[in-house]
Amino acid sequence: MLAALLASAALGFASLPNPICVCGNYPLYATANEAGSNSHSMCIFGRTVWMSMGGAMPMGDMPDYSCPDNGMEDNSPDDCTGLMDASCASD
């Protein structure tokens, strides 16, 4: 599903099935407006997404890339390495 979302971004994809989780980063939104006034942008797999300041990110030497089991859509690929390696073009 993540591949489909990323491919759709190049075709003018305007929103995500909100909110989503990708490799332990959540909640993620397609726009700053959806994320709220207290949010920041992130570049994940080459796609700019937005997260509220209260969101979660995997950190440390042994990051936990799992997504919460709370009904939030998990859009993680099988391999989360390279999560933030790709650069994002201006959206």
N, C-alpha and C. Protein backbone atom coordinates (compact mmCIF):
# COMPACT_ATOMS: atom_id res chain seq x y z
N MET A 1 0.82 -1.20 0.00
CA MET A 1 0.00 0.00 0.00
C MET A 1 0.86 1.25 0.00
N LEU A 2 1.98 1.28 0.75
CA LEU A 2 2.83 2.45 0.78
C LEU A 2 3.32 2.78 -0.61
N ALA A 3 3.72 1.76 -1.36
CA ALA A 3 4.20 2.00 -2.72
C ALA A 3 3.11 2.67 -3.55
N ALA A 4 1.89 2.25 -3.39
CA ALA A 4 0.78 2.85 -4.12
C ALA A 4 0.58 4.31 -3.71
N LEU A 5 0.70 4.58 -2.41
CA LEU A 5 0.56 5.96 -1.94
C LEU A 5 1.67 6.82 -2.49
N LEU A 6 2.91 6.32 -2.46
CA LEU A 6 4.03 7.10 -2.95
C LEU A 6 3.92 7.31 -4.45
N ALA A 7 3.51 6.30 -5.17
CA ALA A 7 3.33 6.45 -6.61
C ALA A 7 2.23 7.46 -6.90
N SER A 8 1.19 7.45 -6.11
CA SER A 8 0.08 8.38 -6.30
C SER A 8 0.52 9.82 -6.04
N ALA A 9 1.51 10.02 -5.18
CA ALA A 9 1.98 11.36 -4.86
C ALA A 9 2.48 12.06 -6.11
N ALA A 10 3.15 11.34 -6.97
CA ALA A 10 3.66 11.93 -8.19
C ALA A 10 2.55 12.30 -9.15
N LEU A 11 1.39 11.75 -8.95
CA LEU A 11 0.25 12.01 -9.83
C LEU A 11 -0.72 13.03 -9.23
N GLY A 12 -0.26 13.82 -8.25
CA GLY A 12 -1.11 14.82 -7.65
C GLY A 12 -1.92 14.31 -6.48
N PHE A 13 -1.48 13.26 -5.86
CA PHE A 13 -2.15 12.69 -4.69
C PHE A 13 -2.29 13.77 -3.62
N ALA A 14 -3.48 14.09 -3.20
CA ALA A 14 -3.71 15.22 -2.31
C ALA A 14 -3.89 14.86 -0.85
N SER A 15 -4.29 13.63 -0.54
CA SER A 15 -4.46 13.32 0.88
C SER A 15 -4.21 11.84 1.12
N LEU A 16 -3.99 11.51 2.36
CA LEU A 16 -3.76 10.14 2.80
C LEU A 16 -5.00 9.65 3.53
N PRO A 17 -5.17 8.33 3.65
CA PRO A 17 -6.26 7.84 4.51
C PRO A 17 -5.85 8.14 5.95
N ASN A 18 -6.32 9.25 6.47
CA ASN A 18 -5.79 9.80 7.72
C ASN A 18 -6.25 9.11 8.96
N PRO A 19 -5.45 9.12 10.01
CA PRO A 19 -4.00 9.23 9.92
C PRO A 19 -3.40 7.87 9.57
N ILE A 20 -2.13 7.87 9.20
CA ILE A 20 -1.44 6.62 8.91
C ILE A 20 -0.18 6.50 9.76
N CYS A 21 0.39 5.32 9.77
CA CYS A 21 1.66 5.04 10.44
C CYS A 21 2.58 4.43 9.40
N VAL A 22 3.84 4.89 9.36
CA VAL A 22 4.85 4.32 8.48
C VAL A 22 6.09 4.07 9.32
N CYS A 23 6.43 2.81 9.48
CA CYS A 23 7.67 2.41 10.20
C CYS A 23 7.78 3.06 11.58
N GLY A 24 6.72 3.05 12.33
CA GLY A 24 6.74 3.57 13.70
C GLY A 24 6.57 5.07 13.81
N ASN A 25 6.43 5.76 12.70
CA ASN A 25 6.18 7.21 12.69
C ASN A 25 4.68 7.43 12.55
N TYR A 26 4.08 8.08 13.54
CA TYR A 26 2.63 8.28 13.53
C TYR A 26 2.21 9.38 14.47
N PRO A 27 1.05 9.98 14.27
CA PRO A 27 0.19 9.90 13.10
C PRO A 27 0.74 10.80 11.99
N LEU A 28 0.67 10.32 10.75
CA LEU A 28 1.16 11.07 9.60
C LEU A 28 -0.01 11.52 8.74
N TYR A 29 0.11 12.73 8.21
CA TYR A 29 -0.93 13.33 7.38
C TYR A 29 -0.31 13.87 6.09
N ALA A 30 -1.13 14.07 5.07
CA ALA A 30 -0.66 14.57 3.78
C ALA A 30 -0.38 16.07 3.80
N THR A 31 -1.06 16.82 4.68
CA THR A 31 -0.90 18.28 4.71
C THR A 31 -0.75 18.78 6.14
N ALA A 32 -0.18 19.97 6.26
CA ALA A 32 -0.04 20.61 7.57
C ALA A 32 -1.42 20.91 8.14
N ASN A 33 -2.36 21.27 7.31
CA ASN A 33 -3.71 21.57 7.75
C ASN A 33 -4.35 20.36 8.43
N GLU A 34 -4.16 19.18 7.83
CA GLU A 34 -4.71 17.95 8.41
C GLU A 34 -4.04 17.62 9.74
N ALA A 35 -2.73 17.91 9.85
CA ALA A 35 -1.97 17.59 11.07
C ALA A 35 -2.24 18.57 12.20
N GLY A 36 -2.67 19.77 11.88
CA GLY A 36 -2.97 20.77 12.90
C GLY A 36 -1.90 21.84 12.99
N SER A 37 -2.19 22.87 13.74
CA SER A 37 -1.30 24.04 13.80
C SER A 37 0.03 23.75 14.49
N ASN A 38 0.08 22.80 15.37
CA ASN A 38 1.32 22.46 16.08
C ASN A 38 1.90 21.18 15.46
N SER A 39 2.43 21.32 14.22
CA SER A 39 2.93 20.15 13.50
C SER A 39 4.25 20.48 12.80
N HIS A 40 4.90 19.46 12.27
CA HIS A 40 6.14 19.64 11.53
C HIS A 40 6.15 18.69 10.33
N SER A 41 6.92 19.08 9.31
CA SER A 41 7.00 18.23 8.13
C SER A 41 8.14 17.23 8.30
N MET A 42 8.00 16.10 7.62
CA MET A 42 9.02 15.04 7.63
C MET A 42 9.14 14.52 6.21
N CYS A 43 10.30 14.01 5.87
CA CYS A 43 10.51 13.39 4.57
C CYS A 43 10.67 11.89 4.81
N ILE A 44 9.69 11.10 4.38
CA ILE A 44 9.71 9.66 4.58
C ILE A 44 9.64 8.97 3.23
N PHE A 45 10.67 8.19 2.92
CA PHE A 45 10.76 7.51 1.63
C PHE A 45 10.53 8.46 0.47
N GLY A 46 11.05 9.70 0.59
CA GLY A 46 10.95 10.66 -0.49
C GLY A 46 9.63 11.39 -0.59
N ARG A 47 8.76 11.24 0.39
CA ARG A 47 7.43 11.87 0.38
C ARG A 47 7.32 12.79 1.59
N THR A 48 6.94 14.05 1.38
CA THR A 48 6.74 14.97 2.50
C THR A 48 5.41 14.65 3.16
N VAL A 49 5.46 14.43 4.46
CA VAL A 49 4.25 14.19 5.26
C VAL A 49 4.33 15.08 6.48
N TRP A 50 3.25 15.19 7.21
CA TRP A 50 3.16 16.06 8.37
C TRP A 50 2.77 15.26 9.60
N MET A 51 3.35 15.63 10.74
CA MET A 51 3.06 14.96 12.02
C MET A 51 2.85 16.02 13.09
N SER A 52 1.88 15.78 13.96
CA SER A 52 1.69 16.70 15.09
C SER A 52 2.88 16.56 16.02
N MET A 53 3.15 17.60 16.78
CA MET A 53 4.30 17.58 17.69
C MET A 53 4.17 16.50 18.75
N GLY A 54 2.98 15.98 18.99
CA GLY A 54 2.77 14.91 19.96
C GLY A 54 2.90 13.52 19.35
N GLY A 55 3.33 13.45 18.10
CA GLY A 55 3.45 12.16 17.42
C GLY A 55 4.63 11.34 17.92
N ALA A 56 4.75 10.13 17.41
CA ALA A 56 5.82 9.22 17.82
C ALA A 56 6.75 8.92 16.65
N MET A 57 8.05 8.82 16.98
CA MET A 57 9.08 8.50 15.99
C MET A 57 10.03 7.49 16.61
N PRO A 58 10.46 6.46 15.86
CA PRO A 58 11.44 5.52 16.39
C PRO A 58 12.79 6.21 16.54
N MET A 59 13.44 6.00 17.68
CA MET A 59 14.71 6.67 17.94
C MET A 59 15.67 5.71 18.64
N GLY A 60 16.92 6.08 18.68
CA GLY A 60 17.91 5.31 19.43
C GLY A 60 18.62 4.25 18.60
N ASP A 61 19.46 3.48 19.30
CA ASP A 61 20.26 2.44 18.64
C ASP A 61 19.42 1.27 18.13
N MET A 62 18.32 0.99 18.80
CA MET A 62 17.45 -0.11 18.40
C MET A 62 16.02 0.41 18.26
N PRO A 63 15.75 1.19 17.19
CA PRO A 63 14.43 1.79 17.06
C PRO A 63 13.33 0.75 16.85
N ASP A 64 12.17 1.06 17.37
CA ASP A 64 11.00 0.20 17.21
C ASP A 64 10.18 0.73 16.04
N TYR A 65 10.20 0.02 14.92
CA TYR A 65 9.48 0.45 13.72
C TYR A 65 8.04 -0.04 13.67
N SER A 66 7.55 -0.62 14.75
CA SER A 66 6.19 -1.14 14.72
C SER A 66 5.18 0.00 14.86
N CYS A 67 4.00 -0.24 14.33
CA CYS A 67 2.92 0.72 14.42
C CYS A 67 1.94 0.27 15.49
N PRO A 68 1.25 1.21 16.12
CA PRO A 68 0.32 0.83 17.19
C PRO A 68 -0.85 0.01 16.65
N ASP A 69 -1.37 -0.85 17.48
CA ASP A 69 -2.52 -1.67 17.11
C ASP A 69 -3.78 -0.98 17.62
N ASN A 70 -4.09 0.17 16.99
CA ASN A 70 -5.24 0.94 17.44
C ASN A 70 -6.18 1.30 16.29
N GLY A 71 -6.09 0.54 15.20
CA GLY A 71 -6.94 0.80 14.06
C GLY A 71 -6.35 1.76 13.05
N MET A 72 -5.21 2.39 13.40
CA MET A 72 -4.54 3.28 12.47
C MET A 72 -3.95 2.45 11.33
N GLU A 73 -4.10 2.91 10.11
CA GLU A 73 -3.60 2.16 8.96
C GLU A 73 -2.07 2.12 8.96
N ASP A 74 -1.52 0.91 8.88
CA ASP A 74 -0.08 0.70 8.85
C ASP A 74 0.36 0.63 7.39
N ASN A 75 1.12 1.62 6.94
CA ASN A 75 1.59 1.69 5.56
C ASN A 75 3.08 1.43 5.48
N SER A 76 3.60 0.59 6.35
CA SER A 76 5.02 0.29 6.38
C SER A 76 5.40 -0.75 5.35
N PRO A 77 6.54 -0.56 4.69
CA PRO A 77 7.05 -1.61 3.81
C PRO A 77 7.66 -2.72 4.64
N ASP A 78 8.07 -3.81 4.02
CA ASP A 78 8.70 -4.90 4.75
C ASP A 78 10.03 -4.49 5.36
N ASP A 79 10.72 -3.55 4.74
CA ASP A 79 12.05 -3.12 5.19
C ASP A 79 12.03 -1.62 5.44
N CYS A 80 12.27 -1.21 6.68
CA CYS A 80 12.23 0.21 7.02
C CYS A 80 13.60 0.88 6.92
N THR A 81 14.63 0.15 6.53
CA THR A 81 15.93 0.81 6.35
C THR A 81 15.80 1.78 5.18
N GLY A 82 16.47 2.89 5.29
CA GLY A 82 16.37 3.93 4.26
C GLY A 82 15.16 4.81 4.44
N LEU A 83 14.50 4.68 5.56
CA LEU A 83 13.27 5.42 5.86
C LEU A 83 13.38 6.90 5.53
N MET A 84 14.46 7.53 5.97
CA MET A 84 14.60 8.97 5.77
C MET A 84 15.80 9.31 4.91
N ASP A 85 16.30 8.34 4.11
CA ASP A 85 17.46 8.58 3.26
C ASP A 85 17.13 9.37 2.00
N ALA A 86 15.96 9.19 1.46
CA ALA A 86 15.60 9.85 0.21
C ALA A 86 15.29 11.33 0.46
N SER A 87 15.66 12.16 -0.46
CA SER A 87 15.34 13.57 -0.33
C SER A 87 13.94 13.84 -0.86
N CYS A 88 13.30 14.86 -0.33
CA CYS A 88 11.96 15.20 -0.74
C CYS A 88 12.00 16.41 -1.67
N ALA A 89 11.23 16.33 -2.73
CA ALA A 89 11.06 17.47 -3.61
C ALA A 89 10.04 18.40 -2.96
N SER A 90 10.04 19.62 -3.36
CA SER A 90 9.04 20.56 -2.83
C SER A 90 7.66 20.09 -3.25
N ASP A 91 6.77 20.04 -2.28
CA ASP A 91 5.38 19.62 -2.58
C ASP A 91 4.53 20.83 -2.84
